[in-house]
Protein backbone atom coordinates (compact mmCIF):
# COMPACT_ATOMS: atom_id res chain seq x y z
CA MET A 1 4.33 -0.95 -0.73
CA LYS A 2 3.28 -2.36 -3.81
CA LYS A 3 0.03 -3.09 -2.50
CA ILE A 4 -3.50 -3.52 -3.96
CA PHE A 5 -6.01 -2.73 -1.26
CA ALA A 6 -8.67 -5.02 -2.60
CA LEU A 7 -6.34 -7.87 -1.64
CA ILE A 8 -7.07 -8.50 2.05
CA LEU A 9 -5.21 -11.06 4.07
CA ALA A 10 -6.50 -14.61 4.35
CA ALA A 11 -6.41 -16.42 7.68
CA MET A 12 -2.77 -16.94 8.62
CA MET A 13 -3.03 -20.19 10.55
CA LEU A 14 -5.37 -23.11 10.93
CA PHE A 15 -4.33 -24.28 14.38
CA GLY A 16 -1.77 -21.92 16.02
CA LEU A 17 -3.06 -19.40 18.52
CA THR A 18 -0.26 -17.15 19.65
CA ALA A 19 2.40 -15.77 17.35
CA CYS A 20 4.51 -14.05 19.95
CA SER A 21 4.43 -12.70 23.47
CA GLN A 22 6.90 -11.65 26.09
CA GLY A 23 8.80 -14.74 27.21
CA SER A 24 7.47 -17.06 24.48
CA ASP A 25 9.64 -19.96 23.38
CA VAL A 26 10.56 -19.84 19.71
CA VAL A 27 10.27 -22.66 17.23
CA GLU A 28 12.83 -23.62 14.62
CA ASN A 29 10.71 -22.99 11.57
CA ALA A 30 9.12 -19.79 10.27
CA ASP A 31 5.68 -20.51 11.70
CA PRO A 32 4.38 -18.29 14.51
CA VAL A 33 5.33 -19.31 18.03
CA VAL A 34 2.43 -21.03 19.75
CA SER A 35 1.55 -20.67 23.42
CA GLU A 36 -0.64 -23.01 25.43
CA GLU A 37 -3.30 -20.45 26.26
CA THR A 38 -5.13 -17.90 24.18
CA ALA A 39 -4.98 -14.39 25.56
CA SER A 40 -7.90 -12.02 25.23
CA ALA A 41 -7.91 -8.41 24.09
CA PRO A 42 -8.13 -5.97 26.99
CA ALA A 43 -11.63 -5.09 28.11
CA ALA A 44 -13.03 -1.61 27.52
CA ALA A 45 -13.51 -0.76 31.19
CA GLY A 46 -10.78 0.93 33.16
CA VAL A 47 -8.63 2.02 30.22
CA GLU A 48 -5.17 3.14 31.29
CA ASP A 49 -3.88 6.57 30.39
CA GLY A 50 -1.84 6.48 27.22
CA VAL A 51 -3.56 3.40 25.77
CA LEU A 52 -5.02 3.56 22.28
CA ARG A 53 -7.58 0.92 21.26
CA VAL A 54 -8.16 0.25 17.57
CA ALA A 55 -9.38 -2.67 15.47
CA ALA A 56 -8.47 -4.45 12.24
CA LEU A 57 -10.59 -6.78 10.13
CA TYR A 58 -7.75 -9.21 9.49
CA ASP A 59 -4.69 -10.29 11.37
CA ILE A 60 -1.18 -9.68 10.14
CA THR A 61 0.88 -12.59 8.81
CA THR A 62 4.35 -11.18 9.42
CA MET A 63 6.15 -8.09 10.73
CA ASP A 64 8.96 -8.49 8.19
CA VAL A 65 8.74 -5.94 5.38
CA ALA A 66 10.81 -8.20 3.15
CA LYS A 67 7.98 -10.72 3.25
CA THR A 68 4.88 -8.58 2.83
CA THR A 69 3.39 -5.73 0.84
CA ASP A 70 0.33 -5.46 3.08
CA ASN A 71 1.15 -5.97 6.76
CA TYR A 72 2.51 -2.49 7.50
CA MET A 73 0.91 -1.40 10.79
CA VAL A 74 3.63 -2.96 12.93
CA PRO A 75 6.62 -2.07 10.69
CA MET A 76 5.49 1.54 10.36
CA ASN A 77 5.53 1.90 14.13
CA ILE A 78 8.50 -0.19 15.28
CA PHE A 79 10.92 0.64 12.46
CA ASP A 80 12.13 3.91 10.96
CA ARG A 81 13.03 4.83 7.40
CA LEU A 82 15.85 7.07 6.23
CA PHE A 83 13.24 9.73 5.41
CA GLU A 84 9.54 10.12 6.16
CA VAL A 85 6.60 11.91 4.55
CA GLU A 86 5.06 14.53 6.79
CA VAL A 87 1.60 16.03 6.29
CA GLN A 88 1.64 19.83 6.32
CA GLU A 89 -1.02 22.17 7.72
CA ASN A 90 -2.16 23.04 4.19
CA GLY A 91 -2.80 19.35 3.48
CA GLY A 92 0.27 18.94 1.31
CA THR A 93 3.17 16.61 2.04
CA GLU A 94 6.89 17.11 2.56
CA ILE A 95 9.78 14.66 2.73
CA VAL A 96 11.59 15.16 6.03
CA PRO A 97 14.76 13.63 7.53
CA SER A 98 14.37 10.63 9.83
CA LEU A 99 17.30 8.27 10.36
CA CYS A 100 19.20 10.39 7.83
CA THR A 101 19.88 14.05 8.55
CA GLY A 102 20.80 14.87 4.96
CA TYR A 103 22.20 13.75 1.62
CA THR A 104 24.25 15.03 -1.30
CA PRO A 105 23.58 13.87 -4.87
CA SER A 106 26.29 13.69 -7.52
CA GLU A 107 26.07 15.85 -10.64
CA ASP A 108 25.19 12.86 -12.82
CA GLY A 109 22.32 11.86 -10.52
CA LEU A 110 23.74 8.40 -9.93
CA THR A 111 25.34 8.61 -6.48
CA TYR A 112 23.82 9.83 -3.23
CA THR A 113 25.94 10.33 -0.12
CA PHE A 114 23.95 10.13 3.13
CA THR A 115 24.64 11.18 6.72
CA LEU A 116 23.00 9.15 9.49
CA ARG A 117 21.59 10.69 12.64
CA GLU A 118 24.00 10.16 15.52
CA GLY A 119 23.07 8.50 18.80
CA VAL A 120 20.20 6.38 17.46
CA VAL A 121 19.85 2.90 18.99
CA PHE A 122 17.50 0.03 18.37
CA SER A 123 14.99 -0.96 21.04
CA ASN A 124 17.43 -3.59 22.35
CA GLY A 125 20.18 -0.97 22.76
CA SER A 126 22.19 -1.87 19.64
CA ALA A 127 23.62 1.24 17.95
CA LEU A 128 22.44 2.22 14.47
CA THR A 129 25.28 2.35 11.93
CA ALA A 130 25.62 2.63 8.17
CA SER A 131 26.27 -1.12 8.06
CA ASP A 132 22.69 -1.69 9.25
CA VAL A 133 21.37 0.26 6.27
CA GLN A 134 23.60 -1.74 3.95
CA TYR A 135 22.35 -4.97 5.52
CA THR A 136 18.74 -3.79 5.07
CA PHE A 137 19.22 -3.23 1.34
CA GLU A 138 21.12 -6.47 0.80
CA ARG A 139 18.62 -8.53 2.77
CA LEU A 140 15.71 -7.25 0.66
CA LEU A 141 17.54 -8.65 -2.35
CA THR A 142 18.55 -11.99 -0.84
CA ALA A 143 15.70 -12.94 1.52
CA GLY A 144 13.52 -14.27 -1.28
CA GLY A 145 10.80 -11.78 -0.37
CA VAL A 146 8.47 -9.48 -2.25
CA ASN A 147 9.87 -6.00 -1.58
CA ASP A 148 13.05 -5.75 -3.62
CA ASP A 149 12.02 -3.10 -6.17
CA ILE A 150 13.91 -0.22 -4.54
CA PRO A 151 17.23 -2.00 -3.84
CA LEU A 152 17.09 -3.46 -7.35
CA GLU A 153 17.83 0.05 -8.62
CA VAL A 154 21.24 0.03 -6.94
CA ALA A 155 24.30 -0.83 -9.03
CA GLY A 156 25.19 -4.50 -8.61
CA ALA A 157 21.74 -5.49 -7.31
CA GLU A 158 21.07 -8.11 -9.96
CA ALA A 159 24.43 -9.79 -9.32
CA LEU A 160 23.73 -10.01 -5.59
CA LYS A 161 20.19 -11.24 -6.09
CA ASN A 162 21.31 -13.90 -8.56
CA GLY A 163 24.08 -15.15 -6.26
CA GLU A 164 26.85 -13.83 -8.50
CA ALA A 165 28.15 -11.48 -5.80
CA ASP A 166 28.36 -11.49 -2.01
CA THR A 167 27.72 -7.80 -1.45
CA LEU A 168 25.84 -4.93 -3.08
CA ALA A 169 28.48 -3.19 -5.20
CA GLY A 170 26.63 0.14 -5.34
CA PHE A 171 26.41 0.49 -1.55
CA VAL A 172 29.58 1.82 0.09
CA VAL A 173 29.97 2.36 3.84
CA ASN A 174 32.32 5.28 4.48
CA SER A 175 31.96 5.37 8.27
CA ASP A 176 29.45 4.49 10.96
CA THR A 177 27.42 7.58 10.04
CA GLU A 178 28.13 8.03 6.31
CA PHE A 179 27.37 5.85 3.31
CA ALA A 180 26.93 6.24 -0.43
CA ILE A 181 24.47 4.58 -2.79
CA THR A 182 25.16 4.45 -6.52
CA LEU A 183 22.22 3.66 -8.78
CA ALA A 184 22.38 1.68 -11.99
CA ALA A 185 20.56 4.57 -13.70
CA PRO A 186 19.53 8.04 -12.51
CA ASN A 187 16.23 8.12 -10.65
CA ALA A 188 14.84 11.50 -9.72
CA GLY A 189 12.33 9.89 -7.35
CA PHE A 190 14.86 7.89 -5.34
CA ILE A 191 14.63 9.96 -2.13
CA ALA A 192 10.83 9.69 -2.24
CA GLU A 193 11.18 5.92 -2.51
CA LEU A 194 13.22 5.84 0.69
CA THR A 195 10.16 6.97 2.68
CA GLY A 196 8.23 3.76 1.92
CA PRO A 197 7.63 1.04 4.54
CA ALA A 198 9.50 -1.45 2.33
CA VAL A 199 12.85 0.11 3.24
CA SER A 200 12.39 0.10 7.01
CA VAL A 201 15.86 -0.21 8.53
CA VAL A 202 16.71 -3.34 10.54
CA ASP A 203 19.61 -4.16 12.87
CA LYS A 204 22.32 -6.32 11.30
CA GLU A 205 23.63 -7.50 14.66
CA THR A 206 20.21 -8.66 15.84
CA MET A 207 19.28 -10.23 12.50
CA GLU A 208 22.39 -12.39 12.51
CA GLN A 209 21.53 -13.78 15.95
CA VAL A 210 17.76 -14.42 15.85
CA GLU A 211 15.76 -17.12 14.06
CA ASN A 212 12.22 -15.74 14.00
CA PHE A 213 12.47 -12.12 12.86
CA GLY A 214 9.04 -10.91 11.84
CA ILE A 215 7.31 -13.72 13.73
CA SER A 216 8.67 -13.53 17.28
CA CYS A 217 8.12 -10.27 19.15
CA GLU A 218 11.44 -10.56 20.97
CA ASP A 219 13.30 -11.13 17.70
CA THR A 220 11.73 -8.21 15.84
CA ILE A 221 13.73 -5.11 16.74
CA GLY A 222 13.58 -1.55 15.35
CA THR A 223 14.50 2.07 16.09
CA GLY A 224 10.92 3.38 15.92
CA PRO A 225 8.78 4.86 18.69
CA TYR A 226 7.25 1.50 19.61
CA LYS A 227 8.17 -2.14 20.11
CA ILE A 228 5.95 -5.16 19.62
CA THR A 229 5.29 -6.88 22.94
CA GLU A 230 2.43 -9.28 22.20
CA TRP A 231 0.79 -10.95 19.24
CA VAL A 232 -2.07 -13.37 19.77
CA VAL A 233 -3.07 -14.75 16.40
CA ASN A 234 -6.53 -13.72 15.20
CA ASP A 235 -7.14 -11.95 18.52
CA HIS A 236 -4.91 -8.89 19.01
CA TYR A 237 -1.40 -7.49 19.01
CA THR A 238 0.13 -4.85 21.26
CA LEU A 239 2.68 -2.11 20.64
CA GLU A 240 4.33 -0.31 23.56
CA TYR A 241 6.50 2.79 23.74
CA ASN A 242 10.19 2.20 23.01
CA GLU A 243 12.08 3.96 25.79
CA ASN A 244 15.19 3.98 23.58
CA TYR A 245 13.42 6.00 20.89
CA TRP A 246 15.51 8.89 19.60
CA GLY A 247 12.58 11.20 18.78
CA GLU A 248 9.91 13.04 20.72
CA GLU A 249 7.97 10.90 23.18
CA PRO A 250 4.48 10.21 21.80
CA SER A 251 1.18 10.72 23.57
CA VAL A 252 0.20 7.10 22.93
CA LYS A 253 2.25 4.81 25.17
CA LYS A 254 0.51 1.58 24.20
CA MET A 255 -1.62 0.62 21.19
CA VAL A 256 -3.78 -2.50 21.22
CA VAL A 257 -5.00 -3.64 17.80
CA SER A 258 -7.89 -6.08 18.21
CA ILE A 259 -8.74 -8.40 15.33
CA ILE A 260 -12.46 -7.94 14.77
CA PRO A 261 -13.37 -9.57 11.44
CA ASP A 262 -16.90 -8.15 11.36
CA ALA A 263 -17.32 -4.46 10.55
CA SER A 264 -20.72 -4.27 12.26
CA THR A 265 -19.12 -5.50 15.48
CA GLN A 266 -16.49 -2.80 15.21
CA ASN A 267 -19.29 -0.31 14.72
CA LEU A 268 -20.97 -1.39 17.96
CA MET A 269 -17.66 -1.42 19.84
CA TYR A 270 -16.99 2.17 18.83
CA GLN A 271 -20.46 3.30 19.87
CA ASN A 272 -19.99 1.50 23.20
CA GLY A 273 -16.73 3.34 23.82
CA GLU A 274 -14.54 0.27 23.32
CA LEU A 275 -12.56 1.67 20.37
CA ASP A 276 -10.77 5.01 20.27
CA ILE A 277 -10.46 5.21 16.48
CA LEU A 278 -12.81 3.50 14.04
CA ASP A 279 -11.75 3.02 10.43
CA LEU A 280 -14.95 3.65 8.45
CA GLU A 281 -13.52 2.06 5.29
CA TYR A 282 -15.38 -1.22 5.68
CA LEU A 283 -18.66 0.05 7.07
CA ASP A 284 -21.59 0.19 4.71
CA SER A 285 -21.75 3.70 3.24
CA ALA A 286 -25.42 3.92 4.29
CA ILE A 287 -24.38 3.52 7.95
CA VAL A 288 -21.63 6.10 7.55
CA GLU A 289 -24.11 8.49 5.97
CA SER A 290 -27.01 7.94 8.39
CA THR A 291 -25.10 7.48 11.66
CA TYR A 292 -21.58 8.82 11.56
CA LYS A 293 -22.23 11.92 9.49
CA THR A 294 -25.06 12.85 11.81
CA GLN A 295 -24.47 11.59 15.37
CA TYR A 296 -20.66 11.69 15.17
CA ALA A 297 -20.14 14.40 12.57
CA ASP A 298 -17.85 16.41 14.84
CA ARG A 299 -15.59 13.36 15.38
CA ILE A 300 -15.02 12.39 11.74
CA ILE A 301 -11.76 13.21 10.01
CA SER A 302 -10.91 12.32 6.43
CA GLY A 303 -7.98 12.18 4.09
CA SER A 304 -7.48 11.21 0.48
CA ARG A 305 -6.51 7.63 -0.21
CA VAL A 306 -3.94 9.06 -2.67
CA GLY A 307 -4.54 6.09 -4.86
CA LEU A 308 -6.74 4.72 -7.57
CA THR A 309 -9.58 2.27 -8.04
CA TYR A 310 -9.45 0.97 -11.61
CA LEU A 311 -10.65 -1.74 -13.97
CA ALA A 312 -7.86 -3.67 -15.71
CA MET A 313 -8.55 -5.47 -19.00
CA ASN A 314 -6.46 -8.23 -20.56
CA ALA A 315 -4.98 -7.08 -23.86
CA ASN A 316 -4.55 -10.73 -24.93
CA HIS A 317 -8.23 -11.58 -24.53
CA GLU A 318 -10.30 -12.52 -27.59
CA PHE A 319 -12.45 -9.40 -27.31
CA LEU A 320 -10.56 -7.13 -24.90
CA SER A 321 -7.59 -7.11 -27.29
CA ASP A 322 -9.68 -4.79 -29.48
CA VAL A 323 -9.03 -1.16 -28.49
CA ASN A 324 -12.56 -0.22 -29.60
CA VAL A 325 -14.04 -2.71 -27.14
CA ARG A 326 -11.89 -1.24 -24.36
CA LYS A 327 -12.92 2.29 -25.29
CA ALA A 328 -16.58 1.28 -25.31
CA ILE A 329 -16.17 -0.18 -21.82
CA GLN A 330 -14.63 3.09 -20.66
CA MET A 331 -17.64 4.97 -22.04
CA ALA A 332 -20.17 2.55 -20.52
CA ILE A 333 -19.28 3.16 -16.86
CA ASP A 334 -20.81 6.11 -14.99
CA VAL A 335 -18.16 6.88 -12.39
CA ASP A 336 -20.13 9.74 -10.84
CA SER A 337 -23.03 7.41 -10.08
CA ILE A 338 -20.67 4.86 -8.50
CA ILE A 339 -19.23 7.57 -6.27
CA ALA A 340 -22.71 8.73 -5.23
CA SER A 341 -24.24 5.30 -4.66
CA VAL A 342 -21.35 3.22 -3.30
CA TYR A 343 -19.19 5.82 -1.57
CA ALA A 344 -21.90 8.33 -0.54
CA GLY A 345 -19.91 11.02 -2.32
CA ASP A 346 -16.71 10.34 -0.38
CA ALA A 347 -14.54 9.82 -3.46
CA ILE A 348 -13.22 11.78 -6.41
CA PRO A 349 -13.35 10.74 -10.07
CA GLU A 350 -9.98 9.94 -11.62
CA SER A 351 -9.03 10.36 -15.26
CA GLY A 352 -5.72 8.62 -15.67
CA ILE A 353 -2.96 6.67 -13.98
CA ILE A 354 -1.33 9.25 -11.69
CA PRO A 355 -3.86 9.88 -8.90
CA THR A 356 -4.84 13.18 -7.36
CA GLY A 357 -2.37 14.22 -4.65
CA VAL A 358 0.66 12.71 -6.37
CA TRP A 359 3.40 14.80 -7.94
CA GLY A 360 2.79 14.84 -11.70
CA HIS A 361 -1.01 14.49 -11.54
CA ASN A 362 -2.61 15.98 -14.65
CA ASP A 363 -5.71 18.01 -13.76
CA ALA A 364 -6.31 18.72 -17.44
CA LEU A 365 -6.61 15.09 -18.49
CA GLU A 366 -10.23 14.43 -19.39
CA ARG A 367 -11.75 11.18 -18.20
CA PRO A 368 -13.80 9.10 -20.64
CA ALA A 369 -17.29 10.54 -20.98
CA PHE A 370 -20.22 8.39 -19.86
CA ASP A 371 -22.08 7.68 -23.10
CA VAL A 372 -24.12 4.48 -23.40
CA GLU A 373 -25.32 5.14 -26.94
CA GLY A 374 -21.84 6.17 -28.01
CA ALA A 375 -20.43 2.95 -26.58
CA LYS A 376 -23.03 0.89 -28.45
CA ALA A 377 -22.28 2.71 -31.69
CA LEU A 378 -18.53 2.14 -31.26
CA LEU A 379 -19.08 -1.60 -30.79
CA ALA A 380 -21.37 -1.73 -33.83
CA GLU A 381 -18.78 0.11 -35.96
CA ALA A 382 -16.21 -2.46 -34.82
CA GLY A 383 -18.48 -5.24 -36.10
CA TYR A 384 -19.91 -6.53 -32.81
CA ALA A 385 -23.60 -7.26 -32.31
CA GLU A 386 -25.31 -7.25 -28.92
CA GLY A 387 -24.27 -10.31 -26.96
CA ASP A 388 -21.18 -11.06 -29.06
CA ILE A 389 -18.72 -9.95 -26.41
CA SER A 390 -18.25 -11.81 -23.14
CA PHE A 391 -15.51 -12.00 -20.55
CA GLU A 392 -14.97 -12.67 -16.86
CA LEU A 393 -14.71 -10.10 -14.08
CA ALA A 394 -12.44 -11.89 -11.59
CA MET A 395 -13.09 -10.89 -7.98
CA ASP A 396 -11.07 -11.71 -4.88
CA SER A 397 -13.43 -13.12 -2.23
CA SER A 398 -11.84 -10.91 0.43
CA ALA A 399 -12.54 -7.68 -1.46
CA SER A 400 -14.26 -4.98 0.58
CA SER A 401 -18.03 -4.66 0.39
CA ASN A 402 -17.62 -1.42 -1.56
CA THR A 403 -15.37 -3.08 -4.12
CA GLN A 404 -17.84 -5.94 -4.49
CA LEU A 405 -20.59 -3.42 -5.18
CA VAL A 406 -18.41 -1.76 -7.82
CA TYR A 407 -18.08 -5.14 -9.56
CA GLN A 408 -21.84 -5.59 -9.60
CA ILE A 409 -22.51 -2.08 -10.89
CA ILE A 410 -19.91 -2.41 -13.64
CA GLN A 411 -21.50 -5.70 -14.66
CA GLN A 412 -24.85 -3.92 -15.09
CA TYR A 413 -23.33 -1.02 -17.01
CA LEU A 414 -21.71 -3.45 -19.44
CA LYS A 415 -24.95 -5.35 -19.82
CA ALA A 416 -26.58 -2.07 -20.90
CA ILE A 417 -24.27 -1.89 -23.94
CA GLY A 418 -24.71 -5.58 -24.82
CA VAL A 419 -21.52 -6.90 -23.20
CA ASN A 420 -21.74 -9.99 -21.01
CA ALA A 421 -19.38 -9.74 -18.03
CA GLU A 422 -19.66 -12.66 -15.62
CA ILE A 423 -18.41 -12.08 -12.07
CA ALA A 424 -16.31 -15.04 -10.89
CA THR A 425 -15.18 -15.12 -7.26
CA TYR A 426 -11.83 -16.67 -6.27
CA ASP A 427 -10.14 -17.12 -2.93
CA GLU A 428 -7.20 -14.76 -2.48
CA SER A 429 -4.49 -17.29 -3.31
CA SER A 430 -6.23 -18.49 -6.47
CA TRP A 431 -7.00 -14.91 -7.50
CA LEU A 432 -3.34 -13.94 -7.18
CA ASP A 433 -2.16 -17.01 -9.07
CA LEU A 434 -4.56 -16.32 -11.92
CA ARG A 435 -3.54 -12.67 -12.13
CA LYS A 436 0.17 -13.52 -12.09
CA SER A 437 -0.35 -16.01 -14.92
CA GLY A 438 -1.54 -13.21 -17.19
CA GLU A 439 -4.65 -15.26 -18.00
CA MET A 440 -7.14 -13.22 -15.97
CA ASP A 441 -9.73 -11.51 -18.21
CA SER A 442 -10.27 -8.44 -16.04
CA PHE A 443 -10.40 -7.29 -12.44
CA VAL A 444 -11.22 -4.28 -10.28
CA ALA A 445 -8.69 -3.27 -7.64
CA ASN A 446 -7.46 -0.42 -5.50
CA TRP A 447 -3.88 0.89 -5.53
CA THR A 448 -2.62 3.16 -2.77
CA MET A 449 0.69 4.96 -3.26
CA ASP A 450 3.72 3.87 -1.24
CA TYR A 451 5.70 7.02 -1.96
CA ASN A 452 4.80 10.32 -3.59
CA ASP A 453 6.24 9.97 -7.06
CA PRO A 454 4.46 8.98 -10.29
CA ALA A 455 6.96 6.17 -10.88
CA ASN A 456 5.35 4.33 -7.96
CA ILE A 457 2.34 3.60 -10.13
CA MET A 458 3.51 4.25 -13.70
CA TYR A 459 6.56 2.00 -13.51
CA THR A 460 4.88 -0.62 -11.34
CA PHE A 461 2.06 -1.12 -13.82
CA PHE A 462 3.64 -0.29 -17.20
CA GLY A 463 7.43 -0.36 -16.75
CA SER A 464 8.22 -3.76 -18.26
CA GLU A 465 6.62 -6.76 -19.94
CA GLU A 466 6.78 -8.70 -16.67
CA LYS A 467 5.04 -5.92 -14.75
CA THR A 468 2.33 -5.41 -17.34
CA LYS A 469 1.61 -9.13 -17.44
CA ILE A 470 0.89 -9.16 -13.72
CA ARG A 471 -0.45 -5.67 -13.04
CA SER A 472 -1.95 -4.41 -16.30
CA LEU A 473 -2.79 -7.69 -17.97
CA ASN A 474 -0.49 -7.79 -20.96
CA TYR A 475 -0.33 -4.20 -22.18
CA ALA A 476 1.43 -4.71 -25.49
CA ASP A 477 3.27 -1.54 -26.56
CA GLU A 478 6.94 -2.31 -25.86
CA ALA A 479 8.08 1.17 -26.94
CA ILE A 480 5.82 2.75 -24.33
CA MET A 481 7.06 0.33 -21.66
CA ALA A 482 10.62 1.38 -22.49
CA ARG A 483 9.70 5.06 -22.20
CA VAL A 484 8.01 4.44 -18.84
CA ALA A 485 11.13 2.68 -17.57
CA ALA A 486 13.37 5.48 -18.86
CA ALA A 487 11.26 8.29 -17.41
CA SER A 488 12.70 7.77 -13.93
CA SER A 489 16.10 8.82 -15.25
CA ILE A 490 14.91 12.28 -16.32
CA THR A 491 16.42 14.60 -13.73
CA ASP A 492 14.65 17.77 -14.92
CA ASP A 493 11.36 17.85 -13.01
CA ALA A 494 9.39 19.70 -15.68
CA ALA A 495 10.61 17.36 -18.41
CA ARG A 496 9.86 14.28 -16.34
CA MET A 497 6.35 15.49 -15.56
CA ALA A 498 5.70 16.21 -19.23
CA GLU A 499 6.89 12.74 -20.21
CA TYR A 500 4.75 10.99 -17.60
CA GLN A 501 1.68 12.95 -18.62
CA ALA A 502 2.26 12.17 -22.30
CA LEU A 503 2.64 8.48 -21.47
CA GLU A 504 -0.48 8.56 -19.33
CA GLU A 505 -2.53 10.04 -22.17
CA LYS A 506 -1.21 7.43 -24.61
CA ILE A 507 -1.94 4.50 -22.30
CA VAL A 508 -5.35 5.59 -20.99
CA VAL A 509 -6.86 7.73 -23.74
CA GLU A 510 -5.38 6.38 -26.97
CA ASP A 511 -4.84 2.75 -25.96
CA ALA A 512 -7.66 2.52 -23.38
CA ALA A 513 -5.49 0.04 -21.47
CA TRP A 514 -7.61 0.30 -18.36
CA VAL A 515 -10.57 2.19 -16.94
CA PRO A 516 -9.64 4.75 -14.28
CA LEU A 517 -12.50 4.98 -11.82
CA LEU A 518 -11.99 6.91 -8.62
CA GLY A 519 -9.86 7.82 -5.65
CA ASN A 520 -11.88 7.33 -2.50
CA MET A 521 -11.59 9.36 0.65
CA HIS A 522 -10.62 7.58 3.86
CA LEU A 523 -12.79 8.42 6.86
CA PHE A 524 -12.08 7.75 10.54
CA ALA A 525 -14.25 8.36 13.59
CA LEU A 526 -12.43 9.53 16.73
CA GLY A 527 -13.51 8.43 20.20
CA GLU A 528 -13.94 10.66 23.20
CA ARG A 529 -10.41 9.93 24.43
CA VAL A 530 -8.69 11.16 21.24
CA ASP A 531 -7.77 14.82 20.95
CA SER A 532 -6.31 14.68 17.43
CA PHE A 533 -5.19 12.22 14.77
CA VAL A 534 -3.22 12.65 11.55
CA PRO A 535 -3.87 9.70 9.18
CA TYR A 536 -1.00 8.42 7.10
CA TRP A 537 -0.51 10.69 4.09
CA ALA A 538 -1.37 7.99 1.54
CA GLY A 539 -4.58 6.94 3.26
CA TYR A 540 -3.58 3.50 4.48
CA SER A 541 -5.66 1.93 7.19
CA ASN A 542 -2.27 1.53 8.85
CA PHE A 543 -0.98 4.67 10.53
CA TYR A 544 1.65 6.09 12.87
CA ALA A 545 0.47 5.80 16.48
CA LYS A 546 2.76 8.73 17.34
CA ASP A 547 0.46 10.91 15.21
CA VAL A 548 -2.39 10.33 17.67
CA VAL A 549 -2.74 12.71 20.62
CA LEU A 550 -4.84 11.47 23.53
CA LYS A 551 -6.71 13.76 25.90
């Protein structure tokens, strides 16, 4: 999903109340449909069997994966992908068939021939065919959205996106249940990419008839285990079991997601029995430590975020362009203390770019040693006196409380080596605009993997000049960017891993392009009504409701 978790959604509307509900009239523009009355989230008392009650800090803005890299709770549950990632009993992950039952790659690694599962229908009864998959890929390229990275790999994608072609040349429909995709270049991680929420399959027939896909509940149709039946803006949205679902019937028949923008209120609701699963991500770590790890210790489950919290530094900045300054900053930050103080130990230190839990992670890569005096000496050798160096730490105002604390601690660590780092807070829109301009001095953010392949983070951050401008703040080595881009084409797994690890060491250790900090654990508290819950493999706050079993 190409998503940075420190970027939390801003309020989606100033005046509208209801985005969609059963029987709502639709409007002609892309704004949510507004009803005359505001519905309320269901009360805690008298909970029906099969109902799961959860909460989110912020409302969604759309259910259309072409238009978002954040709003995945609804798409993950109402749509399916060609393949899914399944968590194994040993804690590992495996790619398993979903809408596809299998595939055959060509010898040159360019063409994949897929077989669709037969008998699958969308929630409105429309049959799934290979043409729907083709439409899904083409729409991601032509809808003017933000999730076109995967279809851009297909031969002919640029021509379609630029309006030079009417169809995607590399996508060939052989029959209703068979299609072939030819890539512009070999990509050994392509099947892993097809598990991501961004390539959720939509119905061509429905899409050509409706006007408010992603906004209207009635217009937003998928093949997944649930359908969206109600969305009351900034209040709640409801998912209900899709009786046309092709897979095993889930324990949860209805999920109500209440929008509760205050974490302390969510805390009280859970303790009052009003929530069945509480995401502990946004609770103060002191509360988690003193309350949940004591009173509710037997109800806590955890999983790795499978991602990375990092500090990015602008290679074009007056001072940060100096590799010795960047190395000194790496040495100045005590990651172990951050983990202990901010995350109450519920995190793991990271050394590079490829996080723990991802194929290709390098356990042997040593993270920069915490050495205040060494950092001072390095700055002095580079000709900088105390107080010479200053830059801005740009923070998104909607960053989590933990991320805000990390900013403050980093500021103090840098002060200890004579570097002045001023924290400047921006609203989300302004923060994004500044980052995209390539003019941001530095920032702290969290990246959670969309699919289990190192390209998901290596290529996204260092695969081209455009990507490094936005994601890694102007990393300058064009030869390394070219190698990162080419690494996806290495079909030998051992060779590809070796190349990624060599690139990682060059970028992080030799060039000190950014400061890897940590991968935090994601904790949830289960209510009395929940028998078991398997969080999403990558540690999103979003999850599959079918992976919850109620008592």
